[in-house]
C-alpha atoms as a PDB file:
ATOM      1  CA  MET A   1     -44.217  21.488 -20.426  1.00  0.00           C
ATOM      2  CA  THR A   2     -44.816  18.505 -22.484  1.00  0.00           C
ATOM      3  CA  ALA A   3     -46.611  15.633 -20.875  1.00  0.00           C
ATOM      4  CA  PRO A   4     -44.547  12.481 -20.122  1.00  0.00           C
ATOM      5  CA  ASP A   5     -46.648  10.214 -22.375  1.00  0.00           C
ATOM      6  CA  SER A   6     -47.185  12.554 -25.325  1.00  0.00           C
ATOM      7  CA  GLY A   7     -45.245  12.992 -28.589  1.00  0.00           C
ATOM      8  CA  MET A   8     -42.226  11.138 -29.335  1.00  0.00           C
ATOM      9  CA  ALA A   9     -41.720   9.734 -25.785  1.00  0.00           C
ATOM     10  CA  SER A  10     -45.147   7.889 -26.061  1.00  0.00           C
ATOM     11  CA  VAL A  11     -44.348   6.637 -29.420  1.00  0.00           C
ATOM     12  CA  GLN A  12     -41.011   5.071 -28.174  1.00  0.00           C
ATOM     13  CA  LYS A  13     -42.774   3.597 -25.172  1.00  0.00           C
ATOM     14  CA  ALA A  14     -45.707   2.237 -27.578  1.00  0.00           C
ATOM     15  CA  PHE A  15     -42.890   0.448 -29.811  1.00  0.00           C
ATOM     16  CA  ALA A  16     -41.093  -0.760 -26.676  1.00  0.00           C
ATOM     17  CA  LEU A  17     -44.669  -2.258 -25.460  1.00  0.00           C
ATOM     18  CA  LEU A  18     -45.171  -4.024 -28.688  1.00  0.00           C
ATOM     19  CA  ASP A  19     -41.742  -5.532 -28.422  1.00  0.00           C
ATOM     20  CA  VAL A  20     -42.682  -6.976 -25.118  1.00  0.00           C
ATOM     21  CA  ILE A  21     -45.839  -8.363 -26.430  1.00  0.00           C
ATOM     22  CA  ALA A  22     -44.453  -9.916 -29.517  1.00  0.00           C
ATOM     23  CA  ALA A  23     -41.469 -11.583 -27.381  1.00  0.00           C
ATOM     24  CA  ASP A  24     -43.875 -14.125 -25.803  1.00  0.00           C
ATOM     25  CA  PRO A  25     -46.201 -16.326 -27.846  1.00  0.00           C
ATOM     26  CA  ARG A  26     -48.875 -16.039 -25.379  1.00  0.00           C
ATOM     27  CA  GLY A  27     -48.608 -12.281 -25.423  1.00  0.00           C
ATOM     28  CA  ALA A  28     -48.241 -10.322 -22.158  1.00  0.00           C
ATOM     29  CA  THR A  29     -50.061  -9.098 -19.025  1.00  0.00           C
ATOM     30  CA  ALA A  30     -50.111  -5.281 -18.295  1.00  0.00           C
ATOM     31  CA  LYS A  31     -47.963  -6.254 -15.445  1.00  0.00           C
ATOM     32  CA  ASP A  32     -45.506  -8.018 -17.449  1.00  0.00           C
ATOM     33  CA  ILE A  33     -45.003  -4.975 -19.612  1.00  0.00           C
ATOM     34  CA  SER A  34     -44.851  -2.593 -16.628  1.00  0.00           C
ATOM     35  CA  THR A  35     -42.142  -4.875 -14.981  1.00  0.00           C
ATOM     36  CA  GLU A  36     -40.141  -5.398 -18.298  1.00  0.00           C
ATOM     37  CA  LEU A  37     -40.080  -1.602 -19.036  1.00  0.00           C
ATOM     38  CA  GLY A  38     -40.234  -0.032 -15.753  1.00  0.00           C
ATOM     39  CA  MET A  39     -43.065   1.790 -16.685  1.00  0.00           C
ATOM     40  CA  PRO A  40     -46.079   2.731 -14.096  1.00  0.00           C
ATOM     41  CA  LEU A  41     -49.159   0.344 -14.572  1.00  0.00           C
ATOM     42  CA  PRO A  42     -51.321   3.440 -15.340  1.00  0.00           C
ATOM     43  CA  SER A  43     -49.109   4.773 -18.219  1.00  0.00           C
ATOM     44  CA  VAL A  44     -49.097   1.011 -19.531  1.00  0.00           C
ATOM     45  CA  TYR A  45     -52.838   0.713 -19.664  1.00  0.00           C
ATOM     46  CA  ARG A  46     -53.285   4.185 -21.378  1.00  0.00           C
ATOM     47  CA  LEU A  47     -50.824   2.899 -24.131  1.00  0.00           C
ATOM     48  CA  LEU A  48     -52.658  -0.466 -24.259  1.00  0.00           C
ATOM     49  CA  GLN A  49     -55.933   1.335 -24.635  1.00  0.00           C
ATOM     50  CA  THR A  50     -54.744   3.363 -27.539  1.00  0.00           C
ATOM     51  CA  LEU A  51     -53.126   0.482 -29.246  1.00  0.00           C
ATOM     52  CA  VAL A  52     -56.249  -1.943 -28.803  1.00  0.00           C
ATOM     53  CA  ALA A  53     -58.254   1.158 -30.302  1.00  0.00           C
ATOM     54  CA  SER A  54     -55.867   1.212 -33.289  1.00  0.00           C
ATOM     55  CA  GLU A  55     -56.089  -2.420 -33.617  1.00  0.00           C
ATOM     56  CA  HIS A  56     -52.460  -2.989 -33.267  1.00  0.00           C
ATOM     57  CA  VAL A  57     -52.894  -4.922 -30.122  1.00  0.00           C
ATOM     58  CA  VAL A  58     -55.944  -7.113 -28.893  1.00  0.00           C
ATOM     59  CA  HIS A  59     -56.978  -7.698 -25.551  1.00  0.00           C
ATOM     60  CA  LEU A  60     -57.246 -11.530 -24.894  1.00  0.00           C
ATOM     61  CA  ARG A  61     -59.999 -10.954 -21.984  1.00  0.00           C
ATOM     62  CA  GLY A  62     -60.228 -14.589 -21.107  1.00  0.00           C
ATOM     63  CA  GLN A  63     -56.374 -14.913 -20.526  1.00  0.00           C
ATOM     64  CA  ARG A  64     -56.118 -11.472 -18.898  1.00  0.00           C
ATOM     65  CA  ARG A  65     -53.330 -10.852 -21.629  1.00  0.00           C
ATOM     66  CA  TYR A  66     -52.432  -8.682 -24.614  1.00  0.00           C
ATOM     67  CA  GLY A  67     -51.581  -9.970 -28.013  1.00  0.00           C
ATOM     68  CA  LEU A  68     -50.548  -8.499 -31.426  1.00  0.00           C
ATOM     69  CA  GLY A  69     -53.437  -7.231 -33.449  1.00  0.00           C
ATOM     70  CA  TYR A  70     -54.104  -7.831 -37.177  1.00  0.00           C
ATOM     71  CA  LYS A  71     -52.602  -4.363 -37.899  1.00  0.00           C
ATOM     72  CA  VAL A  72     -49.162  -5.424 -37.249  1.00  0.00           C
ATOM     73  CA  HIS A  73     -49.577  -8.357 -39.769  1.00  0.00           C
ATOM     74  CA  ALA A  74     -50.930  -5.911 -42.198  1.00  0.00           C
ATOM     75  CA  LEU A  75     -47.411  -3.984 -41.616  1.00  0.00           C
ATOM     76  CA  ASP A  76     -45.651  -7.215 -42.218  1.00  0.00           C
ATOM     77  CA  LEU A  77     -47.338  -7.563 -45.560  1.00  0.00           C
ATOM     78  CA  SER A  78     -46.758  -3.942 -46.438  1.00  0.00           C
ATOM     79  CA  LEU A  79     -42.969  -4.676 -45.780  1.00  0.00           C
ATOM     80  CA  ARG A  80     -42.929  -7.543 -48.020  1.00  0.00           C
ATOM     81  CA  ARG A  81     -44.433  -5.600 -50.463  1.00  0.00           C
ATOM     82  CA  GLN A  82     -41.907  -2.969 -50.381  1.00  0.00           C
ATOM     83  CA  VAL A  83     -38.867  -5.270 -50.208  1.00  0.00           C
ATOM     84  CA  GLY A  84     -40.619  -7.351 -52.932  1.00  0.00           C
ATOM     85  CA  THR A  85     -38.221  -9.430 -54.679  1.00  0.00           C
ATOM     86  CA  PRO A  86     -38.271  -9.716 -58.785  1.00  0.00           C
ATOM     87  CA  VAL A  87     -38.931 -13.129 -60.400  1.00  0.00           C
ATOM     88  CA  THR A  88     -35.578 -12.988 -61.888  1.00  0.00           C
ATOM     89  CA  VAL A  89     -33.857 -12.630 -58.632  1.00  0.00           C
ATOM     90  CA  ARG A  90     -35.976 -15.565 -56.993  1.00  0.00           C
ATOM     91  CA  ARG A  91     -34.743 -17.695 -60.045  1.00  0.00           C
ATOM     92  CA  ALA A  92     -31.341 -16.836 -59.584  1.00  0.00           C
ATOM     93  CA  VAL A  93     -31.417 -17.684 -55.766  1.00  0.00           C
ATOM     94  CA  ARG A  94     -33.184 -21.016 -56.646  1.00  0.00           C
ATOM     95  CA  GLU A  95     -30.376 -21.638 -59.091  1.00  0.00           C
ATOM     96  CA  LEU A  96     -27.930 -20.968 -56.167  1.00  0.00           C
ATOM     97  CA  HIS A  97     -29.625 -23.552 -53.844  1.00  0.00           C
ATOM     98  CA  VAL A  98     -29.445 -26.160 -56.660  1.00  0.00           C
ATOM     99  CA  SER A  99     -26.028 -25.514 -57.943  1.00  0.00           C
ATOM    100  CA  ALA A 100     -24.293 -24.913 -54.443  1.00  0.00           C
ATOM    101  CA  ASP A 101     -26.608 -27.831 -53.056  1.00  0.00           C
ATOM    102  CA  ALA A 102     -27.292 -25.713 -49.963  1.00  0.00           C
ATOM    103  CA  ALA A 103     -29.914 -23.306 -48.583  1.00  0.00           C
ATOM    104  CA  ALA A 104     -29.731 -20.122 -50.234  1.00  0.00           C
ATOM    105  CA  TYR A 105     -30.718 -16.523 -49.189  1.00  0.00           C
ATOM    106  CA  PHE A 106     -31.185 -13.067 -50.726  1.00  0.00           C
ATOM    107  CA  ALA A 107     -30.663 -10.129 -48.081  1.00  0.00           C
ATOM    108  CA  VAL A 108     -31.242  -6.388 -48.981  1.00  0.00           C
ATOM    109  CA  TYR A 109     -29.837  -3.511 -46.976  1.00  0.00           C
ATOM    110  CA  ARG A 110     -32.204  -0.719 -46.036  1.00  0.00           C
ATOM    111  CA  GLY A 111     -29.965   2.063 -44.618  1.00  0.00           C
ATOM    112  CA  ASP A 112     -28.045  -0.003 -41.928  1.00  0.00           C
ATOM    113  CA  ALA A 113     -30.606  -2.622 -41.518  1.00  0.00           C
ATOM    114  CA  ILE A 114     -30.592  -6.301 -43.060  1.00  0.00           C
ATOM    115  CA  VAL A 115     -33.745  -7.718 -44.348  1.00  0.00           C
ATOM    116  CA  VAL A 116     -33.959 -11.157 -45.582  1.00  0.00           C
ATOM    117  CA  ALA A 117     -35.910 -10.939 -48.650  1.00  0.00           C
ATOM    118  CA  HIS A 118     -36.035 -14.436 -50.187  1.00  0.00           C
ATOM    119  CA  VAL A 119     -34.901 -17.891 -48.897  1.00  0.00           C
ATOM    120  CA  VAL A 120     -34.807 -21.169 -50.911  1.00  0.00           C
ATOM    121  CA  ASP A 121     -34.356 -24.593 -49.146  1.00  0.00           C
ATOM    122  CA  SER A 122     -35.286 -28.199 -49.044  1.00  0.00           C
ATOM    123  CA  LEU A 123     -35.682 -30.907 -46.429  1.00  0.00           C
ATOM    124  CA  ARG A 124     -32.224 -32.008 -47.216  1.00  0.00           C
ATOM    125  CA  ARG A 125     -30.788 -28.599 -47.066  1.00  0.00           C
ATOM    126  CA  PRO A 126     -32.760 -26.709 -44.695  1.00  0.00           C
ATOM    127  CA  ARG A 127     -32.564 -22.951 -43.821  1.00  0.00           C
ATOM    128  CA  ILE A 128     -31.207 -21.574 -40.517  1.00  0.00           C
ATOM    129  CA  ASP A 129     -33.693 -21.041 -38.106  1.00  0.00           C
ATOM    130  CA  PRO A 130     -34.809 -18.061 -37.687  1.00  0.00           C
ATOM    131  CA  LEU A 131     -33.385 -16.777 -41.106  1.00  0.00           C
ATOM    132  CA  ASP A 132     -36.918 -16.075 -42.477  1.00  0.00           C
ATOM    133  CA  PHE A 133     -38.109 -13.208 -44.313  1.00  0.00           C
ATOM    134  CA  GLY A 134     -37.640  -9.986 -42.456  1.00  0.00           C
ATOM    135  CA  PHE A 135     -34.913 -11.137 -40.135  1.00  0.00           C
ATOM    136  CA  THR A 136     -32.716  -8.181 -39.269  1.00  0.00           C
ATOM    137  CA  ASP A 137     -30.509  -9.066 -36.327  1.00  0.00           C
ATOM    138  CA  ALA A 138     -26.966 -10.105 -35.585  1.00  0.00           C
ATOM    139  CA  ALA A 139     -24.883  -8.401 -38.037  1.00  0.00           C
ATOM    140  CA  HIS A 140     -21.647  -9.254 -36.427  1.00  0.00           C
ATOM    141  CA  ALA A 141     -22.553 -12.740 -36.319  1.00  0.00           C
ATOM    142  CA  THR A 142     -23.921 -13.645 -39.765  1.00  0.00           C
ATOM    143  CA  ALA A 143     -22.255 -13.634 -43.163  1.00  0.00           C
ATOM    144  CA  PHE A 144     -24.539 -11.368 -44.881  1.00  0.00           C
ATOM    145  CA  GLY A 145     -24.136  -8.879 -41.811  1.00  0.00           C
ATOM    146  CA  LYS A 146     -20.437  -9.074 -42.171  1.00  0.00           C
ATOM    147  CA  ILE A 147     -20.872  -7.940 -46.020  1.00  0.00           C
ATOM    148  CA  LEU A 148     -23.099  -5.005 -44.757  1.00  0.00           C
ATOM    149  CA  LEU A 149     -20.337  -3.985 -42.171  1.00  0.00           C
ATOM    150  CA  SER A 150     -17.642  -4.398 -44.477  1.00  0.00           C
ATOM    151  CA  ARG A 151     -18.952  -1.522 -46.689  1.00  0.00           C
ATOM    152  CA  MET A 152     -18.929   0.873 -43.766  1.00  0.00           C
ATOM    153  CA  ASP A 153     -15.779   2.908 -42.704  1.00  0.00           C
ATOM    154  CA  ASP A 154     -14.450   2.606 -38.926  1.00  0.00           C
ATOM    155  CA  HIS A 155     -16.490   5.419 -37.491  1.00  0.00           C
ATOM    156  CA  GLU A 156     -19.690   4.105 -39.226  1.00  0.00           C
ATOM    157  CA  VAL A 157     -19.017   0.619 -37.887  1.00  0.00           C
ATOM    158  CA  ALA A 158     -18.297   1.731 -34.334  1.00  0.00           C
ATOM    159  CA  ASP A 159     -21.597   3.705 -34.526  1.00  0.00           C
ATOM    160  CA  TYR A 160     -23.366   0.668 -35.623  1.00  0.00           C
ATOM    161  CA  LEU A 161     -22.049  -1.338 -32.548  1.00  0.00           C
ATOM    162  CA  GLY A 162     -22.788   1.282 -30.508  1.00  0.00           C
ATOM    163  CA  ARG A 163     -26.623   1.128 -31.026  1.00  0.00           C
ATOM    164  CA  HIS A 164     -26.836  -2.554 -31.926  1.00  0.00           C
ATOM    165  CA  GLY A 165     -24.031  -4.294 -29.625  1.00  0.00           C
ATOM    166  CA  MET A 166     -22.227  -7.498 -30.062  1.00  0.00           C
ATOM    167  CA  ARG A 167     -24.326  -9.886 -28.130  1.00  0.00           C
ATOM    168  CA  PRO A 168     -22.624 -13.200 -27.885  1.00  0.00           C
ATOM    169  CA  LEU A 169     -25.068 -15.936 -29.662  1.00  0.00           C
ATOM    170  CA  THR A 170     -22.600 -18.852 -29.506  1.00  0.00           C
ATOM    171  CA  GLU A 171     -19.298 -19.675 -28.107  1.00  0.00           C
ATOM    172  CA  ARG A 172     -17.756 -18.832 -31.488  1.00  0.00           C
ATOM    173  CA  THR A 173     -19.241 -15.478 -31.704  1.00  0.00           C
ATOM    174  CA  LEU A 174     -16.982 -12.559 -32.354  1.00  0.00           C
ATOM    175  CA  SER A 175     -17.101 -10.776 -28.993  1.00  0.00           C
ATOM    176  CA  THR A 176     -14.743  -7.558 -29.545  1.00  0.00           C
ATOM    177  CA  PRO A 177     -14.650  -4.887 -31.988  1.00  0.00           C
ATOM    178  CA  GLU A 178     -11.028  -5.471 -32.452  1.00  0.00           C
ATOM    179  CA  GLU A 179     -11.923  -9.123 -33.578  1.00  0.00           C
ATOM    180  CA  LEU A 180     -14.655  -7.730 -35.740  1.00  0.00           C
ATOM    181  CA  ALA A 181     -12.570  -5.208 -37.565  1.00  0.00           C
ATOM    182  CA  GLN A 182      -9.933  -7.821 -38.344  1.00  0.00           C
ATOM    183  CA  GLU A 183     -12.504 -10.092 -39.635  1.00  0.00           C
ATOM    184  CA  LEU A 184     -14.046  -7.294 -41.715  1.00  0.00           C
ATOM    185  CA  GLY A 185     -10.834  -6.337 -43.369  1.00  0.00           C
ATOM    186  CA  ARG A 186     -10.450  -9.998 -44.404  1.00  0.00           C
ATOM    187  CA  VAL A 187     -13.975  -9.399 -46.007  1.00  0.00           C
ATOM    188  CA  ARG A 188     -13.120  -6.442 -47.839  1.00  0.00           C
ATOM    189  CA  SER A 189      -9.947  -7.889 -49.401  1.00  0.00           C
ATOM    190  CA  GLU A 190     -11.587 -11.289 -50.325  1.00  0.00           C
ATOM    191  CA  GLY A 191     -15.031 -10.110 -51.178  1.00  0.00           C
ATOM    192  CA  ILE A 192     -16.650 -13.057 -49.452  1.00  0.00           C
ATOM    193  CA  ALA A 193     -17.830 -13.352 -45.804  1.00  0.00           C
ATOM    194  CA  VAL A 194     -17.694 -16.375 -43.901  1.00  0.00           C
ATOM    195  CA  GLU A 195     -19.514 -17.318 -40.628  1.00  0.00           C
ATOM    196  CA  ARG A 196     -18.555 -20.715 -38.922  1.00  0.00           C
ATOM    197  CA  GLU A 197     -21.352 -21.286 -36.197  1.00  0.00           C
ATOM    198  CA  GLU A 198     -21.188 -17.913 -34.975  1.00  0.00           C
ATOM    199  CA  PHE A 199     -24.922 -17.439 -35.026  1.00  0.00           C
ATOM    200  CA  VAL A 200     -26.237 -20.778 -34.296  1.00  0.00           C
ATOM    201  CA  PRO A 201     -24.522 -23.900 -33.519  1.00  0.00           C
ATOM    202  CA  GLY A 202     -24.650 -26.477 -36.481  1.00  0.00           C
ATOM    203  CA  ALA A 203     -24.581 -24.124 -39.302  1.00  0.00           C
ATOM    204  CA  SER A 204     -22.022 -22.048 -41.127  1.00  0.00           C
ATOM    205  CA  CYS A 205     -22.472 -19.483 -44.008  1.00  0.00           C
ATOM    206  CA  LEU A 206     -20.696 -17.886 -46.878  1.00  0.00           C
ATOM    207  CA  ALA A 207     -22.065 -14.464 -48.586  1.00  0.00           C
ATOM    208  CA  ALA A 208     -21.107 -12.479 -51.409  1.00  0.00           C
ATOM    209  CA  PRO A 209     -22.136  -8.676 -52.139  1.00  0.00           C
ATOM    210  CA  VAL A 210     -24.744  -7.839 -54.557  1.00  0.00           C
ATOM    211  CA  VAL A 211     -23.872  -4.151 -56.268  1.00  0.00           C
ATOM    212  CA  ASP A 212     -25.574  -1.919 -58.402  1.00  0.00           C
ATOM    213  CA  ALA A 213     -24.142  -0.372 -61.731  1.00  0.00           C
ATOM    214  CA  ALA A 214     -22.011   2.234 -59.272  1.00  0.00           C
ATOM    215  CA  GLY A 215     -20.565  -0.361 -57.425  1.00  0.00           C
ATOM    216  CA  ARG A 216     -22.901   0.371 -54.147  1.00  0.00           C
ATOM    217  CA  THR A 217     -23.717  -2.577 -52.051  1.00  0.00           C
ATOM    218  CA  LEU A 218     -27.421  -3.343 -52.309  1.00  0.00           C
ATOM    219  CA  GLY A 219     -27.559  -6.528 -50.331  1.00  0.00           C
ATOM    220  CA  SER A 220     -25.946  -9.888 -50.409  1.00  0.00           C
ATOM    221  CA  VAL A 221     -26.438 -13.594 -51.358  1.00  0.00           C
ATOM    222  CA  ALA A 222     -25.602 -16.303 -49.025  1.00  0.00           C
ATOM    223  CA  VAL A 223     -25.649 -20.059 -48.514  1.00  0.00           C
ATOM    224  CA  SER A 224     -25.636 -22.075 -45.381  1.00  0.00           C
ATOM    225  CA  LEU A 225     -24.497 -25.791 -44.619  1.00  0.00           C
ATOM    226  CA  ARG A 226     -23.693 -27.940 -41.877  1.00  0.00           C
ATOM    227  CA  PRO A 227     -20.224 -27.222 -40.468  1.00  0.00           C
ATOM    228  CA  GLU A 228     -18.770 -30.624 -41.659  1.00  0.00           C
ATOM    229  CA  ASP A 229     -20.096 -30.063 -45.207  1.00  0.00           C
ATOM    230  CA  PHE A 230     -19.041 -26.506 -45.073  1.00  0.00           C
ATOM    231  CA  GLU A 231     -15.358 -27.251 -44.192  1.00  0.00           C
ATOM    232  CA  ARG A 232     -15.242 -29.600 -47.175  1.00  0.00           C
ATOM    233  CA  ARG A 233     -17.041 -27.659 -49.534  1.00  0.00           C
ATOM    234  CA  HIS A 234     -16.967 -23.881 -49.092  1.00  0.00           C
ATOM    235  CA  ARG A 235     -13.855 -23.206 -51.313  1.00  0.00           C
ATOM    236  CA  SER A 236     -15.597 -24.942 -54.332  1.00  0.00           C
ATOM    237  CA  ILE A 237     -18.764 -23.162 -53.529  1.00  0.00           C
ATOM    238  CA  ALA A 238     -17.241 -19.493 -53.312  1.00  0.00           C
ATOM    239  CA  PRO A 239     -17.186 -18.940 -57.179  1.00  0.00           C
ATOM    240  CA  VAL A 240     -20.511 -20.301 -57.658  1.00  0.00           C
ATOM    241  CA  LEU A 241     -21.494 -17.590 -54.894  1.00  0.00           C
ATOM    242  CA  ARG A 242     -19.812 -14.801 -56.539  1.00  0.00           C
ATOM    243  CA  GLY A 243     -21.671 -16.043 -59.871  1.00  0.00           C
ATOM    244  CA  ALA A 244     -24.916 -15.551 -58.079  1.00  0.00           C
ATOM    245  CA  ALA A 245     -24.274 -12.375 -56.680  1.00  0.00           C
ATOM    246  CA  ASP A 246     -23.388 -10.970 -60.285  1.00  0.00           C
ATOM    247  CA  ARG A 247     -26.554 -12.554 -61.693  1.00  0.00           C
ATOM    248  CA  VAL A 248     -28.617 -11.047 -58.846  1.00  0.00           C
ATOM    249  CA  GLY A 249     -27.074  -7.652 -59.275  1.00  0.00           C
ATOM    250  CA  ARG A 250     -27.747  -7.762 -63.065  1.00  0.00           C
ATOM    251  CA  ALA A 251     -31.384  -8.971 -62.390  1.00  0.00           C
ATOM    252  CA  LEU A 252     -32.124  -5.998 -60.183  1.00  0.00           C
ATOM    253  CA  ARG A 253     -30.496  -3.490 -62.532  1.00  0.00           C
ATOM    254  CA  ALA A 254     -32.809  -4.781 -65.167  1.00  0.00           C
ATOM    255  CA  ALA A 255     -35.669  -4.730 -63.087  1.00  0.00           C
ATOM    256  CA  GLU A 256     -35.559  -1.144 -61.893  1.00  0.00           C
ATOM    257  CA  GLY A 257     -38.655   0.772 -62.496  1.00  0.00           C
ATOM    258  CA  CYS A 258     -40.524  -2.530 -63.040  1.00  0.00           C
ATOM    259  CA  PRO A 259     -43.036  -4.123 -60.463  1.00  0.00           C
ATOM    260  CA  ALA A 260     -41.601  -6.752 -58.245  1.00  0.00           C
ATOM    261  CA  GLY A 261     -43.388  -9.897 -57.475  1.00  0.00           C
ATOM    262  CA  PRO A 262     -43.912 -10.844 -53.800  1.00  0.00           C
ATOM    263  CA  PRO A 263     -41.271 -12.329 -51.827  1.00  0.00           C
ATOM    264  CA  ALA A 264     -41.462 -15.991 -51.382  1.00  0.00           C
ATOM    265  CA  GLY A 265     -40.104 -17.855 -48.351  1.00  0.00           C
END
């Protein structure tokens, strides 16, 4: 018989434990983790001991808490290298920021995950918090998430929602699969995704797909603005955004087989 804390079950528990520690800037106590995960304290301590030894977790003895270790930072750096954004793509996103006069984003799709790979903003046109490198959440409530979902068939979307849900983030967030299906149909027909304060209040977004030579969607480019600016300008920004998506797609195709530069926030 397999021990309860061995094999895949143990790996899943270790990741869940890391999520609990990461959720609080102060870290977490063993009791916090036990309560949050419904896991016996002895099992928590065994996993913590293993993760401390591997340096993925650090024991903050003076606070009687556990925090993330430097190995987690090393994983973040590795992800940034793997998702590395070519210089030509970064240049195209910066040009989009200037020409659209809006915060500009480039997101890549890794399977059914969204990774924000590059953001260009300014004090006048700040990025949406928390849309920074590595953000992967809330596909149903973001413009580049809707682009990703629009490339899936109905069964794939249902499977995605079954795994990720449709958490309401604002009073404007789409709340049912039926509403989302109607929205995705519009995205497919227009080739542009719109999000009006569905992710965070006070910000609206527009996104366009980035495709490869075979027409497969690799990711998307997006812009965000304050709602009053967005309503006034989004129609004029749409062709600028489509042009940027085309330039990014061509830049990615040209960069195939060439080393990518590090992503910049």
